[in-house]
Amino acid sequence: MKFSKIGPFLLFLLGAILAAPLHAQTVSNPALLPQRDGSHDFDFLIGDWKAHVRRLPDRLNNSNVWIEYDGISNHHKLLDSNANFEQFEVWSTDKKLHIKGQTLRLYNPTSRQWSIYLVDLDNGTLSLPPVVGSFTGNRGEFFDQEDFKGRAIFVRYVWTNISPTSARMEQSFSPDGGETWEVNWICELSR
């Protein structure tokens, strides 16, 4: 057989062999793809931070009057697990207002989502329901639905600007099922 007759056949065969792995990796059902393990998504937070907070006290009322605070935010892993606990304390710039809080973050390996609870040590309670969500790249989004002044709203936490020396968390409320969001809490962390 001459090369001129075998050449096209060999090129076709070589192309089919090289393309086979590409075709085999194509999955028509995304649920069959390996799931991302997000159990270390909050590892960037572990340690001590300076916290700068801007808080909108008059929420869902078209207010634009913000109060600024400075203080600390310290994060620790719990029992060498993927859960972590935050102790948070800030004071307004005039030192008249003070906010202290604690946050418990728990990772569910089955759902691959985090649940974030605000802890009220003074009253011995956890916020229910928690905000629940996950990270996509360097952005984390967490949601819940709760009652605010007699009406149901959505609550969203968004984590961005994540680096070894900085991070930003915003809390927003939506009174219209997620159509619009009002940011009412911005916490910028730095080391």
N, C-alpha and C. Protein backbone atom coordinates (compact mmCIF):
# COMPACT_ATOMS: atom_id res chain seq x y z
N MET A 1 0.84 -1.17 0.00
CA MET A 1 0.00 0.00 0.00
C MET A 1 0.89 1.24 0.00
N LYS A 2 0.56 2.19 -0.78
CA LYS A 2 1.35 3.40 -0.87
C LYS A 2 0.89 4.39 0.21
N PHE A 3 1.81 5.32 0.60
CA PHE A 3 1.51 6.31 1.63
C PHE A 3 0.31 7.17 1.26
N SER A 4 0.15 7.44 -0.02
CA SER A 4 -0.95 8.30 -0.44
C SER A 4 -2.30 7.68 -0.11
N LYS A 5 -2.38 6.34 -0.06
CA LYS A 5 -3.64 5.68 0.30
C LYS A 5 -3.76 5.52 1.81
N ILE A 6 -2.63 5.31 2.49
CA ILE A 6 -2.66 5.09 3.94
C ILE A 6 -2.65 6.41 4.69
N GLY A 7 -2.04 7.43 4.15
CA GLY A 7 -1.89 8.72 4.82
C GLY A 7 -3.19 9.28 5.37
N PRO A 8 -4.22 9.44 4.54
CA PRO A 8 -5.48 9.99 5.06
C PRO A 8 -6.10 9.10 6.13
N PHE A 9 -6.00 7.78 5.99
CA PHE A 9 -6.54 6.86 6.98
C PHE A 9 -5.80 7.00 8.31
N LEU A 10 -4.45 7.10 8.26
CA LEU A 10 -3.67 7.26 9.49
C LEU A 10 -3.98 8.59 10.17
N LEU A 11 -4.13 9.64 9.38
CA LEU A 11 -4.49 10.93 9.96
C LEU A 11 -5.85 10.88 10.64
N PHE A 12 -6.82 10.23 10.01
CA PHE A 12 -8.14 10.07 10.59
C PHE A 12 -8.05 9.27 11.89
N LEU A 13 -7.31 8.15 11.88
CA LEU A 13 -7.16 7.28 13.04
C LEU A 13 -6.45 8.03 14.17
N LEU A 14 -5.38 8.75 13.84
CA LEU A 14 -4.67 9.51 14.85
C LEU A 14 -5.57 10.59 15.46
N GLY A 15 -6.33 11.27 14.63
CA GLY A 15 -7.27 12.29 15.13
C GLY A 15 -8.32 11.69 16.03
N ALA A 16 -8.85 10.53 15.68
CA ALA A 16 -9.86 9.87 16.50
C ALA A 16 -9.29 9.45 17.85
N ILE A 17 -8.06 8.96 17.84
CA ILE A 17 -7.42 8.52 19.09
C ILE A 17 -7.16 9.72 20.00
N LEU A 18 -6.68 10.82 19.43
CA LEU A 18 -6.40 12.00 20.24
C LEU A 18 -7.67 12.67 20.74
N ALA A 19 -8.75 12.61 19.98
CA ALA A 19 -10.00 13.24 20.38
C ALA A 19 -10.78 12.41 21.38
N ALA A 20 -10.53 11.12 21.46
CA ALA A 20 -11.30 10.24 22.35
C ALA A 20 -11.23 10.68 23.80
N PRO A 21 -10.05 11.01 24.37
CA PRO A 21 -10.04 11.45 25.77
C PRO A 21 -10.82 12.74 25.99
N LEU A 22 -10.80 13.65 25.02
CA LEU A 22 -11.57 14.88 25.16
C LEU A 22 -13.06 14.60 25.20
N HIS A 23 -13.52 13.70 24.36
CA HIS A 23 -14.93 13.33 24.34
C HIS A 23 -15.31 12.59 25.62
N ALA A 24 -14.43 11.75 26.11
CA ALA A 24 -14.73 10.96 27.32
C ALA A 24 -14.85 11.86 28.53
N GLN A 25 -14.18 13.04 28.55
CA GLN A 25 -14.24 13.92 29.70
C GLN A 25 -15.47 14.83 29.67
N THR A 26 -16.18 14.88 28.59
CA THR A 26 -17.37 15.70 28.51
C THR A 26 -18.51 14.99 29.24
N VAL A 27 -19.09 15.68 30.21
CA VAL A 27 -20.18 15.09 30.99
C VAL A 27 -21.43 15.89 30.72
N SER A 28 -22.48 15.21 30.29
CA SER A 28 -23.72 15.92 29.99
C SER A 28 -24.48 16.29 31.25
N ASN A 29 -24.22 15.60 32.36
CA ASN A 29 -24.91 15.88 33.61
C ASN A 29 -23.91 16.49 34.60
N PRO A 30 -24.00 17.80 34.89
CA PRO A 30 -23.04 18.43 35.80
C PRO A 30 -23.04 17.80 37.20
N ALA A 31 -24.14 17.18 37.61
CA ALA A 31 -24.18 16.55 38.93
C ALA A 31 -23.19 15.40 39.04
N LEU A 32 -22.75 14.86 37.89
CA LEU A 32 -21.80 13.76 37.90
C LEU A 32 -20.35 14.24 38.01
N LEU A 33 -20.12 15.54 37.89
CA LEU A 33 -18.77 16.08 38.02
C LEU A 33 -18.34 16.03 39.48
N PRO A 34 -17.04 15.92 39.73
CA PRO A 34 -16.57 15.93 41.12
C PRO A 34 -16.99 17.22 41.81
N GLN A 35 -17.48 17.12 43.04
CA GLN A 35 -17.93 18.29 43.79
C GLN A 35 -16.75 18.95 44.48
N ARG A 36 -16.77 20.25 44.54
CA ARG A 36 -15.71 21.02 45.17
C ARG A 36 -15.83 20.90 46.68
N ASP A 37 -14.69 20.66 47.34
CA ASP A 37 -14.65 20.59 48.80
C ASP A 37 -14.39 22.00 49.32
N GLY A 38 -15.36 22.58 49.98
CA GLY A 38 -15.22 23.94 50.49
C GLY A 38 -14.89 23.99 51.97
N SER A 39 -14.44 22.88 52.53
CA SER A 39 -14.23 22.81 53.98
C SER A 39 -13.14 23.75 54.49
N HIS A 40 -12.29 24.25 53.63
CA HIS A 40 -11.23 25.15 54.06
C HIS A 40 -11.45 26.59 53.58
N ASP A 41 -12.65 26.90 53.10
CA ASP A 41 -12.91 28.22 52.54
C ASP A 41 -12.69 29.36 53.53
N PHE A 42 -12.93 29.13 54.81
CA PHE A 42 -12.76 30.19 55.80
C PHE A 42 -11.40 30.15 56.50
N ASP A 43 -10.49 29.29 56.03
CA ASP A 43 -9.16 29.23 56.65
C ASP A 43 -8.44 30.58 56.58
N PHE A 44 -8.72 31.38 55.57
CA PHE A 44 -8.06 32.68 55.44
C PHE A 44 -8.34 33.57 56.64
N LEU A 45 -9.45 33.33 57.35
CA LEU A 45 -9.85 34.18 58.47
C LEU A 45 -9.13 33.87 59.77
N ILE A 46 -8.57 32.67 59.89
CA ILE A 46 -8.01 32.26 61.16
C ILE A 46 -6.89 33.22 61.58
N GLY A 47 -7.00 33.70 62.81
CA GLY A 47 -6.02 34.64 63.34
C GLY A 47 -6.68 35.93 63.80
N ASP A 48 -5.86 36.92 64.05
CA ASP A 48 -6.32 38.20 64.59
C ASP A 48 -6.32 39.27 63.52
N TRP A 49 -7.39 40.09 63.52
CA TRP A 49 -7.58 41.13 62.52
C TRP A 49 -7.94 42.45 63.19
N LYS A 50 -7.66 43.53 62.50
CA LYS A 50 -8.24 44.84 62.83
C LYS A 50 -9.53 44.91 62.04
N ALA A 51 -10.57 45.46 62.65
CA ALA A 51 -11.87 45.56 61.98
C ALA A 51 -12.29 47.02 61.86
N HIS A 52 -12.73 47.39 60.67
CA HIS A 52 -13.34 48.70 60.43
C HIS A 52 -14.74 48.42 59.90
N VAL A 53 -15.75 48.95 60.60
CA VAL A 53 -17.15 48.67 60.26
C VAL A 53 -17.86 49.97 59.92
N ARG A 54 -18.68 49.88 58.88
CA ARG A 54 -19.66 50.93 58.57
C ARG A 54 -21.03 50.28 58.72
N ARG A 55 -21.90 50.86 59.56
CA ARG A 55 -23.21 50.28 59.84
C ARG A 55 -24.31 51.29 59.54
N LEU A 56 -25.33 50.82 58.81
CA LEU A 56 -26.51 51.62 58.52
C LEU A 56 -27.57 51.25 59.56
N PRO A 57 -27.77 52.07 60.59
CA PRO A 57 -28.69 51.66 61.65
C PRO A 57 -30.17 51.71 61.26
N ASP A 58 -30.54 52.62 60.37
CA ASP A 58 -31.94 52.76 59.95
C ASP A 58 -32.12 52.00 58.64
N ARG A 59 -32.47 50.74 58.74
CA ARG A 59 -32.47 49.83 57.59
C ARG A 59 -33.82 49.79 56.88
N LEU A 60 -33.74 49.60 55.56
CA LEU A 60 -34.91 49.51 54.68
C LEU A 60 -35.83 50.71 54.86
N ASN A 61 -35.21 51.88 54.97
CA ASN A 61 -35.97 53.12 55.16
C ASN A 61 -35.35 54.26 54.34
N ASN A 62 -34.62 53.90 53.27
CA ASN A 62 -33.96 54.87 52.40
C ASN A 62 -33.00 55.80 53.12
N SER A 63 -32.42 55.33 54.20
CA SER A 63 -31.45 56.14 54.94
C SER A 63 -30.08 56.03 54.28
N ASN A 64 -29.28 57.08 54.45
CA ASN A 64 -27.90 57.04 54.00
C ASN A 64 -26.96 57.53 55.10
N VAL A 65 -27.40 57.43 56.35
CA VAL A 65 -26.61 57.85 57.50
C VAL A 65 -25.91 56.62 58.07
N TRP A 66 -24.59 56.60 57.94
CA TRP A 66 -23.78 55.47 58.39
C TRP A 66 -23.03 55.84 59.65
N ILE A 67 -22.78 54.84 60.51
CA ILE A 67 -21.94 55.00 61.70
C ILE A 67 -20.71 54.13 61.49
N GLU A 68 -19.54 54.68 61.83
CA GLU A 68 -18.28 53.94 61.66
C GLU A 68 -17.74 53.48 63.01
N TYR A 69 -17.12 52.30 62.97
CA TYR A 69 -16.57 51.67 64.17
C TYR A 69 -15.19 51.11 63.84
N ASP A 70 -14.35 50.97 64.87
CA ASP A 70 -13.06 50.32 64.74
C ASP A 70 -12.86 49.38 65.93
N GLY A 71 -12.16 48.29 65.68
CA GLY A 71 -11.90 47.35 66.76
C GLY A 71 -11.17 46.12 66.26
N ILE A 72 -11.56 44.96 66.81
CA ILE A 72 -10.86 43.71 66.52
C ILE A 72 -11.83 42.62 66.09
N SER A 73 -11.30 41.64 65.37
CA SER A 73 -12.03 40.45 64.98
C SER A 73 -11.04 39.29 65.04
N ASN A 74 -11.25 38.38 65.97
CA ASN A 74 -10.32 37.26 66.17
C ASN A 74 -11.03 35.94 65.86
N HIS A 75 -10.38 35.10 65.04
CA HIS A 75 -10.97 33.85 64.55
C HIS A 75 -10.10 32.66 64.93
N HIS A 76 -10.75 31.60 65.42
CA HIS A 76 -10.03 30.41 65.85
C HIS A 76 -10.74 29.16 65.35
N LYS A 77 -9.97 28.16 64.93
CA LYS A 77 -10.55 26.86 64.58
C LYS A 77 -11.03 26.18 65.85
N LEU A 78 -12.06 25.36 65.73
CA LEU A 78 -12.58 24.62 66.87
C LEU A 78 -12.11 23.18 66.81
N LEU A 79 -11.39 22.74 67.81
CA LEU A 79 -10.96 21.35 67.96
C LEU A 79 -10.33 20.79 66.68
N ASP A 80 -9.47 21.57 66.06
CA ASP A 80 -8.77 21.15 64.85
C ASP A 80 -9.72 20.66 63.75
N SER A 81 -10.88 21.30 63.65
CA SER A 81 -11.87 20.93 62.65
C SER A 81 -11.98 22.05 61.62
N ASN A 82 -12.98 21.96 60.75
CA ASN A 82 -13.22 23.03 59.79
C ASN A 82 -14.19 24.07 60.33
N ALA A 83 -14.71 23.85 61.53
CA ALA A 83 -15.55 24.86 62.18
C ALA A 83 -14.65 25.95 62.75
N ASN A 84 -15.20 27.17 62.84
CA ASN A 84 -14.42 28.24 63.46
C ASN A 84 -15.32 29.17 64.25
N PHE A 85 -14.71 29.91 65.14
CA PHE A 85 -15.43 30.80 66.05
C PHE A 85 -14.76 32.16 66.01
N GLU A 86 -15.59 33.20 65.93
CA GLU A 86 -15.09 34.57 65.88
C GLU A 86 -15.53 35.33 67.12
N GLN A 87 -14.61 36.12 67.66
CA GLN A 87 -14.93 37.09 68.69
C GLN A 87 -14.69 38.47 68.08
N PHE A 88 -15.68 39.33 68.22
CA PHE A 88 -15.71 40.59 67.48
C PHE A 88 -16.06 41.69 68.46
N GLU A 89 -15.31 42.80 68.41
CA GLU A 89 -15.62 43.93 69.29
C GLU A 89 -15.16 45.22 68.63
N VAL A 90 -16.08 46.17 68.46
CA VAL A 90 -15.78 47.45 67.83
C VAL A 90 -16.45 48.58 68.60
N TRP A 91 -15.85 49.79 68.49
CA TRP A 91 -16.39 50.98 69.12
C TRP A 91 -16.56 52.06 68.05
N SER A 92 -17.59 52.88 68.19
CA SER A 92 -17.77 53.99 67.26
C SER A 92 -16.62 54.96 67.44
N THR A 93 -16.38 55.80 66.43
CA THR A 93 -15.24 56.71 66.47
C THR A 93 -15.34 57.69 67.65
N ASP A 94 -16.56 58.02 68.09
CA ASP A 94 -16.72 58.90 69.26
C ASP A 94 -16.75 58.11 70.57
N LYS A 95 -16.56 56.79 70.48
CA LYS A 95 -16.50 55.88 71.64
C LYS A 95 -17.83 55.78 72.41
N LYS A 96 -18.93 56.29 71.84
CA LYS A 96 -20.21 56.23 72.52
C LYS A 96 -20.97 54.94 72.22
N LEU A 97 -20.68 54.31 71.08
CA LEU A 97 -21.38 53.07 70.70
C LEU A 97 -20.39 51.91 70.68
N HIS A 98 -20.87 50.77 71.11
CA HIS A 98 -20.02 49.59 71.26
C HIS A 98 -20.79 48.37 70.75
N ILE A 99 -20.16 47.57 69.91
CA ILE A 99 -20.78 46.33 69.43
C ILE A 99 -19.83 45.19 69.74
N LYS A 100 -20.35 44.17 70.39
CA LYS A 100 -19.56 42.96 70.57
C LYS A 100 -20.40 41.80 70.06
N GLY A 101 -19.73 40.85 69.48
CA GLY A 101 -20.47 39.72 68.93
C GLY A 101 -19.57 38.52 68.76
N GLN A 102 -20.21 37.41 68.56
CA GLN A 102 -19.51 36.16 68.30
C GLN A 102 -20.20 35.49 67.12
N THR A 103 -19.41 34.79 66.32
CA THR A 103 -19.94 34.09 65.15
C THR A 103 -19.42 32.66 65.16
N LEU A 104 -20.31 31.72 64.91
CA LEU A 104 -19.95 30.31 64.79
C LEU A 104 -20.19 29.91 63.34
N ARG A 105 -19.16 29.35 62.69
CA ARG A 105 -19.27 28.89 61.31
C ARG A 105 -19.05 27.38 61.28
N LEU A 106 -20.02 26.66 60.70
CA LEU A 106 -19.95 25.19 60.64
C LEU A 106 -20.04 24.74 59.20
N TYR A 107 -19.18 23.81 58.80
CA TYR A 107 -19.19 23.28 57.43
C TYR A 107 -19.89 21.93 57.40
N ASN A 108 -20.84 21.78 56.47
CA ASN A 108 -21.56 20.52 56.28
C ASN A 108 -20.95 19.81 55.07
N PRO A 109 -20.22 18.69 55.27
CA PRO A 109 -19.57 18.02 54.14
C PRO A 109 -20.55 17.37 53.18
N THR A 110 -21.77 17.10 53.61
CA THR A 110 -22.76 16.49 52.71
C THR A 110 -23.31 17.52 51.73
N SER A 111 -23.73 18.67 52.24
CA SER A 111 -24.28 19.72 51.37
C SER A 111 -23.18 20.59 50.77
N ARG A 112 -21.96 20.51 51.34
CA ARG A 112 -20.82 21.32 50.94
C ARG A 112 -21.12 22.81 51.09
N GLN A 113 -21.82 23.11 52.19
CA GLN A 113 -22.16 24.50 52.47
C GLN A 113 -21.81 24.83 53.92
N TRP A 114 -21.63 26.11 54.13
CA TRP A 114 -21.37 26.64 55.46
C TRP A 114 -22.66 27.18 56.05
N SER A 115 -22.82 27.02 57.35
CA SER A 115 -23.89 27.67 58.11
C SER A 115 -23.22 28.64 59.06
N ILE A 116 -23.69 29.87 59.06
CA ILE A 116 -23.10 30.92 59.89
C ILE A 116 -24.14 31.38 60.90
N TYR A 117 -23.80 31.21 62.16
CA TYR A 117 -24.68 31.57 63.27
C TYR A 117 -24.09 32.75 64.03
N LEU A 118 -24.92 33.73 64.36
CA LEU A 118 -24.51 34.77 65.27
C LEU A 118 -24.80 34.25 66.68
N VAL A 119 -23.85 34.41 67.57
CA VAL A 119 -23.96 33.89 68.94
C VAL A 119 -24.19 35.07 69.88
N ASP A 120 -25.24 34.98 70.67
CA ASP A 120 -25.50 36.00 71.68
C ASP A 120 -25.18 35.38 73.05
N LEU A 121 -23.94 35.61 73.51
CA LEU A 121 -23.53 35.02 74.78
C LEU A 121 -24.27 35.63 75.97
N ASP A 122 -24.66 36.91 75.85
CA ASP A 122 -25.38 37.54 76.95
C ASP A 122 -26.73 36.87 77.21
N ASN A 123 -27.40 36.45 76.12
CA ASN A 123 -28.71 35.81 76.26
C ASN A 123 -28.68 34.30 76.06
N GLY A 124 -27.51 33.75 75.72
CA GLY A 124 -27.38 32.31 75.55
C GLY A 124 -28.14 31.77 74.36
N THR A 125 -28.11 32.49 73.22
CA THR A 125 -28.86 32.06 72.03
C THR A 125 -27.99 32.08 70.78
N LEU A 126 -28.44 31.30 69.78
CA LEU A 126 -27.88 31.33 68.43
C LEU A 126 -28.92 31.94 67.51
N SER A 127 -28.47 32.70 66.51
CA SER A 127 -29.42 33.24 65.53
C SER A 127 -29.95 32.09 64.69
N LEU A 128 -31.25 32.05 64.54
CA LEU A 128 -31.89 31.02 63.71
C LEU A 128 -32.85 31.70 62.76
N PRO A 129 -32.87 31.34 61.54
CA PRO A 129 -32.00 30.35 60.92
C PRO A 129 -30.62 30.95 60.67
N PRO A 130 -29.62 30.09 60.43
CA PRO A 130 -28.31 30.63 60.05
C PRO A 130 -28.33 31.11 58.61
N VAL A 131 -27.34 31.92 58.23
CA VAL A 131 -27.15 32.19 56.81
C VAL A 131 -26.36 31.01 56.26
N VAL A 132 -26.73 30.54 55.07
CA VAL A 132 -26.14 29.32 54.51
C VAL A 132 -25.64 29.61 53.11
N GLY A 133 -24.48 29.07 52.78
CA GLY A 133 -23.96 29.26 51.42
C GLY A 133 -22.57 28.70 51.26
N SER A 134 -21.90 29.19 50.23
CA SER A 134 -20.57 28.66 49.89
C SER A 134 -19.79 29.70 49.10
N PHE A 135 -18.55 29.33 48.78
CA PHE A 135 -17.67 30.18 48.00
C PHE A 135 -17.60 29.68 46.57
N THR A 136 -17.49 30.61 45.65
CA THR A 136 -17.13 30.34 44.26
C THR A 136 -15.92 31.21 43.99
N GLY A 137 -14.77 30.58 43.88
CA GLY A 137 -13.54 31.36 43.77
C GLY A 137 -13.31 32.12 45.05
N ASN A 138 -13.00 33.41 44.94
CA ASN A 138 -12.76 34.25 46.12
C ASN A 138 -13.98 35.05 46.54
N ARG A 139 -15.17 34.55 46.22
CA ARG A 139 -16.40 35.23 46.61
C ARG A 139 -17.30 34.23 47.32
N GLY A 140 -17.70 34.58 48.52
CA GLY A 140 -18.63 33.75 49.28
C GLY A 140 -19.97 34.44 49.40
N GLU A 141 -21.06 33.68 49.17
CA GLU A 141 -22.41 34.23 49.32
C GLU A 141 -23.21 33.30 50.21
N PHE A 142 -23.93 33.92 51.17
CA PHE A 142 -24.67 33.18 52.18
C PHE A 142 -26.01 33.87 52.38
N PHE A 143 -27.09 33.09 52.49
CA PHE A 143 -28.45 33.64 52.51
C PHE A 143 -29.29 33.03 53.61
N ASP A 144 -30.29 33.78 54.04
CA ASP A 144 -31.38 33.24 54.85
C ASP A 144 -32.59 34.14 54.67
N GLN A 145 -33.68 33.70 55.24
CA GLN A 145 -34.91 34.50 55.25
C GLN A 145 -35.28 34.69 56.70
N GLU A 146 -35.61 35.91 57.07
CA GLU A 146 -35.99 36.17 58.46
C GLU A 146 -37.00 37.30 58.53
N ASP A 147 -37.46 37.55 59.71
CA ASP A 147 -38.45 38.59 59.96
C ASP A 147 -37.72 39.88 60.36
N PHE A 148 -38.11 40.99 59.76
CA PHE A 148 -37.55 42.28 60.11
C PHE A 148 -38.69 43.27 60.22
N LYS A 149 -38.95 43.73 61.43
CA LYS A 149 -40.02 44.70 61.70
C LYS A 149 -41.36 44.22 61.13
N GLY A 150 -41.65 42.95 61.34
CA GLY A 150 -42.94 42.41 60.95
C GLY A 150 -43.09 41.97 59.51
N ARG A 151 -42.02 42.00 58.74
CA ARG A 151 -42.12 41.53 57.36
C ARG A 151 -40.96 40.58 57.03
N ALA A 152 -41.23 39.67 56.13
CA ALA A 152 -40.21 38.69 55.72
C ALA A 152 -39.23 39.36 54.77
N ILE A 153 -37.95 39.15 55.03
CA ILE A 153 -36.90 39.68 54.16
C ILE A 153 -35.87 38.59 53.90
N PHE A 154 -35.08 38.78 52.85
CA PHE A 154 -33.91 37.94 52.63
C PHE A 154 -32.70 38.67 53.20
N VAL A 155 -31.78 37.90 53.75
CA VAL A 155 -30.52 38.42 54.27
C VAL A 155 -29.40 37.77 53.46
N ARG A 156 -28.41 38.57 53.08
CA ARG A 156 -27.28 38.04 52.31
C ARG A 156 -25.98 38.55 52.92
N TYR A 157 -25.02 37.63 53.11
CA TYR A 157 -23.65 37.99 53.46
C TYR A 157 -22.81 37.73 52.22
N VAL A 158 -21.93 38.65 51.88
CA VAL A 158 -21.01 38.47 50.76
C VAL A 158 -19.59 38.73 51.26
N TRP A 159 -18.71 37.75 51.05
CA TRP A 159 -17.29 37.88 51.37
C TRP A 159 -16.52 38.13 50.07
N THR A 160 -15.68 39.18 50.05
CA THR A 160 -14.87 39.51 48.87
C THR A 160 -13.51 40.05 49.33
N ASN A 161 -12.69 40.44 48.35
CA ASN A 161 -11.39 41.07 48.59
C ASN A 161 -10.53 40.25 49.55
N ILE A 162 -10.54 38.95 49.35
CA ILE A 162 -9.85 38.04 50.26
C ILE A 162 -8.38 37.93 49.88
N SER A 163 -7.52 38.20 50.88
CA SER A 163 -6.08 38.03 50.72
C SER A 163 -5.51 37.70 52.09
N PRO A 164 -4.23 37.41 52.19
CA PRO A 164 -3.65 37.15 53.52
C PRO A 164 -3.72 38.35 54.46
N THR A 165 -3.89 39.56 53.90
CA THR A 165 -3.89 40.75 54.75
C THR A 165 -5.19 41.55 54.72
N SER A 166 -6.20 41.06 53.99
CA SER A 166 -7.46 41.82 53.95
C SER A 166 -8.64 40.91 53.57
N ALA A 167 -9.81 41.36 53.97
CA ALA A 167 -11.07 40.70 53.59
C ALA A 167 -12.20 41.70 53.84
N ARG A 168 -13.29 41.48 53.12
CA ARG A 168 -14.45 42.37 53.25
C ARG A 168 -15.72 41.53 53.32
N MET A 169 -16.58 41.88 54.27
CA MET A 169 -17.88 41.22 54.39
C MET A 169 -18.96 42.29 54.40
N GLU A 170 -19.98 42.05 53.55
CA GLU A 170 -21.13 42.95 53.50
C GLU A 170 -22.37 42.18 53.86
N GLN A 171 -23.23 42.79 54.65
CA GLN A 171 -24.57 42.25 54.90
C GLN A 171 -25.57 43.13 54.18
N SER A 172 -26.53 42.50 53.49
CA SER A 172 -27.58 43.23 52.78
C SER A 172 -28.93 42.63 53.12
N PHE A 173 -29.96 43.47 53.05
CA PHE A 173 -31.34 43.02 53.21
C PHE A 173 -32.08 43.24 51.89
N SER A 174 -33.01 42.34 51.60
CA SER A 174 -33.89 42.50 50.44
C SER A 174 -35.33 42.33 50.91
N PRO A 175 -36.16 43.36 50.74
CA PRO A 175 -37.57 43.25 51.12
C PRO A 175 -38.46 42.73 49.98
N ASP A 176 -37.85 42.52 48.79
CA ASP A 176 -38.65 42.18 47.61
C ASP A 176 -38.21 40.86 46.96
N GLY A 177 -37.87 39.90 47.79
CA GLY A 177 -37.54 38.57 47.27
C GLY A 177 -36.24 38.49 46.50
N GLY A 178 -35.30 39.39 46.76
CA GLY A 178 -34.01 39.36 46.10
C GLY A 178 -33.91 40.20 44.84
N GLU A 179 -34.95 40.95 44.52
CA GLU A 179 -34.90 41.85 43.35
C GLU A 179 -33.91 42.98 43.59
N THR A 180 -33.95 43.58 44.78
CA THR A 180 -33.03 44.66 45.14
C THR A 180 -32.44 44.34 46.51
N TRP A 181 -31.24 44.87 46.75
CA TRP A 181 -30.54 44.64 48.01
C TRP A 181 -30.06 45.97 48.57
N GLU A 182 -30.24 46.16 49.88
CA GLU A 182 -29.70 47.32 50.57
C GLU A 182 -28.57 46.85 51.47
N VAL A 183 -27.36 47.31 51.19
CA VAL A 183 -26.22 47.01 52.05
C VAL A 183 -26.38 47.81 53.34
N ASN A 184 -26.25 47.13 54.51
CA ASN A 184 -26.41 47.84 55.77
C ASN A 184 -25.27 47.58 56.76
N TRP A 185 -24.31 46.76 56.36
CA TRP A 185 -23.17 46.47 57.23
C TRP A 185 -21.98 46.15 56.33
N ILE A 186 -20.89 46.88 56.49
CA ILE A 186 -19.66 46.61 55.74
C ILE A 186 -18.54 46.48 56.77
N CYS A 187 -17.92 45.33 56.77
CA CYS A 187 -16.79 45.09 57.68
C CYS A 187 -15.55 44.82 56.83
N GLU A 188 -14.55 45.68 57.00
CA GLU A 188 -13.28 45.51 56.30
C GLU A 188 -12.24 45.09 57.32
N LEU A 189 -11.63 43.93 57.07
CA LEU A 189 -10.62 43.36 57.95
C LEU A 189 -9.23 43.59 57.37
N SER A 190 -8.27 43.87 58.25
CA SER A 190 -6.89 44.04 57.81
C SER A 190 -5.96 43.53 58.89
N ARG A 191 -4.76 43.15 58.45
CA ARG A 191 -3.73 42.71 59.41
C ARG A 191 -2.54 43.65 59.33
